[in-house]
Amino acid sequence: MGRMADARKRSRRPGKAGRPSPEPPAPPGAPSTADRPPAGDAGAARTEGSIVLPSSGLAADVLAQPAAAAIAAEPAATAPGPAPAGERPAAGAPSPAPGAQSLSFFAAPAQEQRVAAEDTEHLATFVLDKEEYGVDVRQVQEIRRVGEITAVPRAPEFVRGVINLRGRILPVLDLKRKLNLGEVGVDRAARIVVVRTQGRMLGLLVDGASQVLKVPVSRVEPPPEEVVERGGDYIRAVAKLDDRLIILIDLERILAQELREAPVATGA
């Protein structure tokens, strides 16, 4: 009992047991205790517009607080939108991050320009007297080697005869003689160009077949007037290639008489 009484006396002495213990020194750079807000002013240190949530309760009760109503009344912060199309960033403005994706009205992706295909003429060409002639490939049925040609008595001199083309009798015209360019020599280079025009089929004997090609219409020009006036009315155009010229002929004009007299072809 005596010890307990002594302990009570010591606790009642001022300056010793009742004196608060000194706080340990604060590390350098740390705020002093004088700058800290008092424990009772913790609510004042909170950020303006915050809500103190109770330890328990319903959400409806929390939202009914005056602080919650004040926050709901404040306008929401709008996110920065894209700059108007007429405004450009300043010279000193920071550039976007390397991995960021951005849209720019001034640097739109270049669209691939499709060049429209130029109109062309599809030609089948052949040789007459070392010159190259051409006709519309749609008029050509086939090109074949020269076989046996049966002569026809009292036929015009440019008609070399007839051939049997898969069971059809087909007249063969010497196109070189028809154009007053001489006569086609029947050799290994000679060919018969089977043409179809106005529903009729004829064989044209030529010095040789050249090729089938496409020529842009920009390289096709009408024939000179001097050529047309001197019996060249069968020439409808001249195609200009890089290394040569091709004379385009009008078969219907050349074979006008033969087309009137020849029988109509009924098969392919």
Foldseek 3Di string as FASTA:
>chain_A
DVVVVVVVVVCPDPPPNVDDDDDDDDDPPDDDPVPDDDPVCPVVPDDQLDFDDDPDDDPVVRCPDPSNVVNVPDDDDDDDDDDDLVDDDDPPDDDDDPPDDDDHPVCPDDDDDDDDDFDKAKWWWWDAPNAIATEGPVFWPDKAADDDFDADPPDPPQFRHWDQDPNDTATEGAVCVLLPNDGADRDRAWMWTWGADPQAIHTYIHNHTDGIDIAGPVQKAADDPVCCVVVNVQFGIWGDDPPHIYTYGNVCVSCVVVVVPDDGDDDD
